[in-house]
Amino acid sequence: MAFKQLLEYFVAHLEHATGRGQDSTRGYDDYIAPIPKSDFKFAGQGYRGHDIQKQIAGNDLFNGRQIFITVNIIPTHNRHVDASVDYMSEATYLNWQDAWTKIVVVPNEDRTKVTALRIKSPTGFSWNDEKGRQEPDGWDTVAERTLDELGLFDGTNEENEFLRGFYNAFYERGVSEVNGK
């Protein structure tokens, strides 16, 4: 799986979850249908070894580094969504192993479809006594592109210049963060 297909899977996963398991969501046939329904995990934290990571296993290594999928469910009372949870918050993301830099989704107004993807990177860190670790102080947007600009779901495996630039920004931020630069 190329980076393009990983992003398409991420979008398909979230739209499928938001659609409460409907099989008519974007990317369903290519990415969701091949996973047995009994094995499909709607949420989980790949970096903690949760089973959701198995859904991208074998397709999560790029340049010798692993990307993790995290789908956290946030309780909501969104009048537009026939659900009591939100899968499309910034608590749902893709990230490099040992890095805070992440790809998050930008949903439409009613939070049922993904319109864009955004790379977010920490502005700095401070110590969190309660958690016993460093945590981000805030977040900068590194890049944001619509799904159309990235060429997602265009029916090809081709990666366009916007997608290559998006990957490079994500990779460079994640690597520099891990390397302490």
C-alpha atoms as a PDB file:
ATOM      1  CA  MET A   1       0.000   0.000   0.000  1.00  0.00           C
ATOM      2  CA  ALA A   2       1.354   3.330  -0.947  1.00  0.00           C
ATOM      3  CA  PHE A   3       0.881   6.442   1.150  1.00  0.00           C
ATOM      4  CA  LYS A   4      -2.047   7.441  -1.052  1.00  0.00           C
ATOM      5  CA  GLN A   5      -3.868   4.190  -0.278  1.00  0.00           C
ATOM      6  CA  LEU A   6      -3.137   4.546   3.444  1.00  0.00           C
ATOM      7  CA  LEU A   7      -4.786   7.985   3.417  1.00  0.00           C
ATOM      8  CA  GLU A   8      -7.723   6.618   1.423  1.00  0.00           C
ATOM      9  CA  TYR A   9      -8.106   3.812   3.964  1.00  0.00           C
ATOM     10  CA  PHE A  10      -8.039   6.353   6.831  1.00  0.00           C
ATOM     11  CA  VAL A  11     -10.813   8.410   5.210  1.00  0.00           C
ATOM     12  CA  ALA A  12     -12.838   5.300   4.302  1.00  0.00           C
ATOM     13  CA  HIS A  13     -12.514   3.992   7.864  1.00  0.00           C
ATOM     14  CA  LEU A  14     -13.783   7.211   9.435  1.00  0.00           C
ATOM     15  CA  GLU A  15     -16.642   7.706   6.998  1.00  0.00           C
ATOM     16  CA  HIS A  16     -17.670   4.061   7.461  1.00  0.00           C
ATOM     17  CA  ALA A  17     -17.560   4.440  11.254  1.00  0.00           C
ATOM     18  CA  THR A  18     -19.479   7.722  11.124  1.00  0.00           C
ATOM     19  CA  GLY A  19     -22.049   6.099   8.846  1.00  0.00           C
ATOM     20  CA  ARG A  20     -22.589   3.511  11.588  1.00  0.00           C
ATOM     21  CA  GLY A  21     -21.194   0.674   9.527  1.00  0.00           C
ATOM     22  CA  GLN A  22     -22.984   1.386   6.251  1.00  0.00           C
ATOM     23  CA  ASP A  23     -21.437  -0.357   3.273  1.00  0.00           C
ATOM     24  CA  SER A  24     -22.076   2.486   0.846  1.00  0.00           C
ATOM     25  CA  THR A  25     -19.423   4.919   2.062  1.00  0.00           C
ATOM     26  CA  ARG A  26     -16.510   6.169  -0.046  1.00  0.00           C
ATOM     27  CA  GLY A  27     -13.732   3.576  -0.297  1.00  0.00           C
ATOM     28  CA  TYR A  28     -15.821   0.835   1.320  1.00  0.00           C
ATOM     29  CA  ASP A  29     -15.360  -1.740  -1.454  1.00  0.00           C
ATOM     30  CA  ASP A  30     -11.591  -1.270  -1.678  1.00  0.00           C
ATOM     31  CA  TYR A  31     -10.664  -0.874   1.970  1.00  0.00           C
ATOM     32  CA  ILE A  32     -13.404  -1.908   4.402  1.00  0.00           C
ATOM     33  CA  ALA A  33     -15.184  -4.834   2.696  1.00  0.00           C
ATOM     34  CA  PRO A  34     -12.024  -7.029   2.625  1.00  0.00           C
ATOM     35  CA  ILE A  35     -11.905  -6.945   6.455  1.00  0.00           C
ATOM     36  CA  PRO A  36     -14.263  -9.531   7.990  1.00  0.00           C
ATOM     37  CA  LYS A  37     -17.015  -7.636   9.855  1.00  0.00           C
ATOM     38  CA  SER A  38     -16.242  -9.541  13.053  1.00  0.00           C
ATOM     39  CA  ASP A  39     -12.597  -8.372  12.854  1.00  0.00           C
ATOM     40  CA  PHE A  40     -13.245  -4.721  11.962  1.00  0.00           C
ATOM     41  CA  LYS A  41     -12.292  -2.380  14.808  1.00  0.00           C
ATOM     42  CA  PHE A  42     -14.039   0.972  14.724  1.00  0.00           C
ATOM     43  CA  ALA A  43     -11.691   2.535  17.283  1.00  0.00           C
ATOM     44  CA  GLY A  44      -8.386   1.920  19.008  1.00  0.00           C
ATOM     45  CA  GLN A  45      -4.848   3.157  19.441  1.00  0.00           C
ATOM     46  CA  GLY A  46      -2.379   1.485  17.108  1.00  0.00           C
ATOM     47  CA  TYR A  47       0.630   2.842  18.989  1.00  0.00           C
ATOM     48  CA  ARG A  48      -0.573   0.938  22.065  1.00  0.00           C
ATOM     49  CA  GLY A  49      -0.835  -2.320  20.144  1.00  0.00           C
ATOM     50  CA  HIS A  50      -4.615  -2.271  19.797  1.00  0.00           C
ATOM     51  CA  ASP A  51      -6.100  -4.482  17.092  1.00  0.00           C
ATOM     52  CA  ILE A  52      -7.027  -1.486  14.923  1.00  0.00           C
ATOM     53  CA  GLN A  53      -3.376  -1.430  13.781  1.00  0.00           C
ATOM     54  CA  LYS A  54      -3.879  -4.867  12.199  1.00  0.00           C
ATOM     55  CA  GLN A  55      -6.188  -3.210   9.667  1.00  0.00           C
ATOM     56  CA  ILE A  56      -3.191  -1.415   8.149  1.00  0.00           C
ATOM     57  CA  ALA A  57      -0.504  -3.986   9.098  1.00  0.00           C
ATOM     58  CA  GLY A  58       1.929  -4.605   6.299  1.00  0.00           C
ATOM     59  CA  ASN A  59       0.962  -1.255   4.819  1.00  0.00           C
ATOM     60  CA  ASP A  60       2.164   0.976   7.619  1.00  0.00           C
ATOM     61  CA  LEU A  61       5.919   1.148   6.906  1.00  0.00           C
ATOM     62  CA  PHE A  62       7.403   4.006   4.897  1.00  0.00           C
ATOM     63  CA  ASN A  63      11.134   4.718   4.602  1.00  0.00           C
ATOM     64  CA  GLY A  64      11.749   2.234   7.417  1.00  0.00           C
ATOM     65  CA  ARG A  65       9.403   4.036   9.821  1.00  0.00           C
ATOM     66  CA  GLN A  66       6.025   2.910  11.080  1.00  0.00           C
ATOM     67  CA  ILE A  67       2.817   4.929  10.905  1.00  0.00           C
ATOM     68  CA  PHE A  68       0.184   4.284  13.565  1.00  0.00           C
ATOM     69  CA  ILE A  69      -3.568   4.732  13.276  1.00  0.00           C
ATOM     70  CA  THR A  70      -5.491   6.067  16.255  1.00  0.00           C
ATOM     71  CA  VAL A  71      -9.262   6.411  16.210  1.00  0.00           C
ATOM     72  CA  ASN A  72     -10.649   7.829  19.426  1.00  0.00           C
ATOM     73  CA  ILE A  73     -14.354   8.208  19.962  1.00  0.00           C
ATOM     74  CA  ILE A  74     -15.463  11.529  21.415  1.00  0.00           C
ATOM     75  CA  PRO A  75     -18.961  11.773  22.943  1.00  0.00           C
ATOM     76  CA  THR A  76     -21.081  14.379  21.181  1.00  0.00           C
ATOM     77  CA  HIS A  77     -24.571  15.695  20.844  1.00  0.00           C
ATOM     78  CA  ASN A  78     -24.165  16.673  17.189  1.00  0.00           C
ATOM     79  CA  ARG A  79     -27.610  17.307  15.793  1.00  0.00           C
ATOM     80  CA  HIS A  80     -26.377  16.482  12.258  1.00  0.00           C
ATOM     81  CA  VAL A  81     -25.140  12.974  13.027  1.00  0.00           C
ATOM     82  CA  ASP A  82     -27.380  10.086  14.025  1.00  0.00           C
ATOM     83  CA  ALA A  83     -24.878   8.975  16.643  1.00  0.00           C
ATOM     84  CA  SER A  84     -23.729   9.974  20.076  1.00  0.00           C
ATOM     85  CA  VAL A  85     -20.031   9.848  19.188  1.00  0.00           C
ATOM     86  CA  ASP A  86     -17.655  11.723  16.888  1.00  0.00           C
ATOM     87  CA  TYR A  87     -14.923   9.829  15.041  1.00  0.00           C
ATOM     88  CA  MET A  88     -13.645  12.945  13.263  1.00  0.00           C
ATOM     89  CA  SER A  89     -12.059  14.915  16.104  1.00  0.00           C
ATOM     90  CA  GLU A  90      -8.370  15.761  16.316  1.00  0.00           C
ATOM     91  CA  ALA A  91      -8.098  12.846  18.768  1.00  0.00           C
ATOM     92  CA  THR A  92      -8.243  10.648  15.642  1.00  0.00           C
ATOM     93  CA  TYR A  93      -5.033  10.673  13.619  1.00  0.00           C
ATOM     94  CA  LEU A  94      -2.145   9.002  11.846  1.00  0.00           C
ATOM     95  CA  ASN A  95       1.312   9.516  13.336  1.00  0.00           C
ATOM     96  CA  TRP A  96       4.882   8.276  13.004  1.00  0.00           C
ATOM     97  CA  GLN A  97       6.247   6.019  15.716  1.00  0.00           C
ATOM     98  CA  ASP A  98       7.699   8.100  18.584  1.00  0.00           C
ATOM     99  CA  ALA A  99       6.462  11.385  17.075  1.00  0.00           C
ATOM    100  CA  TRP A 100       3.654  13.755  18.013  1.00  0.00           C
ATOM    101  CA  THR A 101       3.275  15.175  14.488  1.00  0.00           C
ATOM    102  CA  LYS A 102      -0.004  13.855  13.131  1.00  0.00           C
ATOM    103  CA  ILE A 103      -2.442  13.830  10.227  1.00  0.00           C
ATOM    104  CA  VAL A 104      -5.982  14.710  11.241  1.00  0.00           C
ATOM    105  CA  VAL A 105      -9.163  15.000   9.202  1.00  0.00           C
ATOM    106  CA  VAL A 106     -11.111  18.135   8.379  1.00  0.00           C
ATOM    107  CA  PRO A 107     -14.782  17.113   8.295  1.00  0.00           C
ATOM    108  CA  ASN A 108     -17.688  18.774   6.547  1.00  0.00           C
ATOM    109  CA  GLU A 109     -20.089  20.848   8.643  1.00  0.00           C
ATOM    110  CA  ASP A 110     -22.288  17.920   9.655  1.00  0.00           C
ATOM    111  CA  ARG A 111     -19.171  15.794  10.426  1.00  0.00           C
ATOM    112  CA  THR A 112     -20.199  12.900   8.185  1.00  0.00           C
ATOM    113  CA  LYS A 113     -17.579  13.277   5.421  1.00  0.00           C
ATOM    114  CA  VAL A 114     -13.903  14.152   5.298  1.00  0.00           C
ATOM    115  CA  THR A 115     -13.165  17.187   3.118  1.00  0.00           C
ATOM    116  CA  ALA A 116      -9.445  17.644   3.750  1.00  0.00           C
ATOM    117  CA  LEU A 117      -6.445  16.317   5.642  1.00  0.00           C
ATOM    118  CA  ARG A 118      -4.264  18.459   7.888  1.00  0.00           C
ATOM    119  CA  ILE A 119      -0.761  17.897   9.267  1.00  0.00           C
ATOM    120  CA  LYS A 120      -0.374  19.241  12.811  1.00  0.00           C
ATOM    121  CA  SER A 121       2.879  19.548  14.691  1.00  0.00           C
ATOM    122  CA  PRO A 122       3.563  20.602  18.304  1.00  0.00           C
ATOM    123  CA  THR A 123       4.600  24.206  18.922  1.00  0.00           C
ATOM    124  CA  GLY A 124       6.580  23.157  21.993  1.00  0.00           C
ATOM    125  CA  PHE A 125       6.472  20.873  24.991  1.00  0.00           C
ATOM    126  CA  SER A 126       6.061  21.140  28.741  1.00  0.00           C
ATOM    127  CA  TRP A 127       6.104  18.600  31.530  1.00  0.00           C
ATOM    128  CA  ASN A 128       2.771  17.113  32.602  1.00  0.00           C
ATOM    129  CA  ASP A 129       3.147  16.009  36.250  1.00  0.00           C
ATOM    130  CA  GLU A 130      -0.120  14.081  36.187  1.00  0.00           C
ATOM    131  CA  LYS A 131       0.949  11.951  33.204  1.00  0.00           C
ATOM    132  CA  GLY A 132       4.653  11.968  34.050  1.00  0.00           C
ATOM    133  CA  ARG A 133       5.749  12.983  30.557  1.00  0.00           C
ATOM    134  CA  GLN A 134       6.307  15.818  28.126  1.00  0.00           C
ATOM    135  CA  GLU A 135       3.182  16.939  26.263  1.00  0.00           C
ATOM    136  CA  PRO A 136       2.603  19.482  23.486  1.00  0.00           C
ATOM    137  CA  ASP A 137       1.870  23.071  24.549  1.00  0.00           C
ATOM    138  CA  GLY A 138      -0.065  23.747  21.359  1.00  0.00           C
ATOM    139  CA  TRP A 139      -0.264  22.838  17.687  1.00  0.00           C
ATOM    140  CA  ASP A 140       0.727  24.429  14.382  1.00  0.00           C
ATOM    141  CA  THR A 141      -0.836  23.494  11.071  1.00  0.00           C
ATOM    142  CA  VAL A 142       2.023  22.415   8.806  1.00  0.00           C
ATOM    143  CA  ALA A 143      -0.075  21.672   5.710  1.00  0.00           C
ATOM    144  CA  GLU A 144      -3.686  21.203   4.716  1.00  0.00           C
ATOM    145  CA  ARG A 145      -5.015  19.814   1.447  1.00  0.00           C
ATOM    146  CA  THR A 146      -8.443  18.807   0.215  1.00  0.00           C
ATOM    147  CA  LEU A 147      -8.963  15.193  -0.800  1.00  0.00           C
ATOM    148  CA  ASP A 148      -9.299  16.342  -4.415  1.00  0.00           C
ATOM    149  CA  GLU A 149      -5.997  18.247  -4.273  1.00  0.00           C
ATOM    150  CA  LEU A 150      -4.307  15.115  -2.909  1.00  0.00           C
ATOM    151  CA  GLY A 151      -5.859  13.040  -5.692  1.00  0.00           C
ATOM    152  CA  LEU A 152      -7.550  10.689  -3.230  1.00  0.00           C
ATOM    153  CA  PHE A 153     -10.294   8.427  -4.562  1.00  0.00           C
ATOM    154  CA  ASP A 154      -9.503   9.410  -8.161  1.00  0.00           C
ATOM    155  CA  GLY A 155      -9.408   5.774  -9.285  1.00  0.00           C
ATOM    156  CA  THR A 156      -5.648   5.701  -9.885  1.00  0.00           C
ATOM    157  CA  ASN A 157      -2.582   4.709  -7.885  1.00  0.00           C
ATOM    158  CA  GLU A 158      -0.736   7.802  -9.094  1.00  0.00           C
ATOM    159  CA  GLU A 159       0.636  10.210  -6.513  1.00  0.00           C
ATOM    160  CA  ASN A 160       0.428  13.843  -7.626  1.00  0.00           C
ATOM    161  CA  GLU A 161       2.710  16.731  -6.612  1.00  0.00           C
ATOM    162  CA  PHE A 162       0.395  17.830  -3.780  1.00  0.00           C
ATOM    163  CA  LEU A 163       0.369  14.337  -2.285  1.00  0.00           C
ATOM    164  CA  ARG A 164       4.161  14.030  -2.574  1.00  0.00           C
ATOM    165  CA  GLY A 165       4.563  17.425  -0.874  1.00  0.00           C
ATOM    166  CA  PHE A 166       2.087  16.427   1.842  1.00  0.00           C
ATOM    167  CA  TYR A 167       3.987  13.178   2.493  1.00  0.00           C
ATOM    168  CA  ASN A 168       7.335  14.987   2.536  1.00  0.00           C
ATOM    169  CA  ALA A 169       6.072  17.550   5.053  1.00  0.00           C
ATOM    170  CA  PHE A 170       4.668  14.788   7.280  1.00  0.00           C
ATOM    171  CA  TYR A 171       7.836  12.693   7.024  1.00  0.00           C
ATOM    172  CA  GLU A 172      10.270  15.563   7.571  1.00  0.00           C
ATOM    173  CA  ARG A 173       8.394  16.914  10.610  1.00  0.00           C
ATOM    174  CA  GLY A 174       8.050  13.463  12.144  1.00  0.00           C
ATOM    175  CA  VAL A 175      11.691  12.508  11.555  1.00  0.00           C
ATOM    176  CA  SER A 176      13.049  15.829  12.821  1.00  0.00           C
ATOM    177  CA  GLU A 177      10.857  15.502  15.912  1.00  0.00           C
ATOM    178  CA  VAL A 178      12.119  11.984  16.641  1.00  0.00           C
ATOM    179  CA  ASN A 179      15.711  13.092  16.024  1.00  0.00           C
ATOM    180  CA  GLY A 180      15.266  16.076  18.354  1.00  0.00           C
ATOM    181  CA  LYS A 181      15.776  18.802  15.772  1.00  0.00           C
END
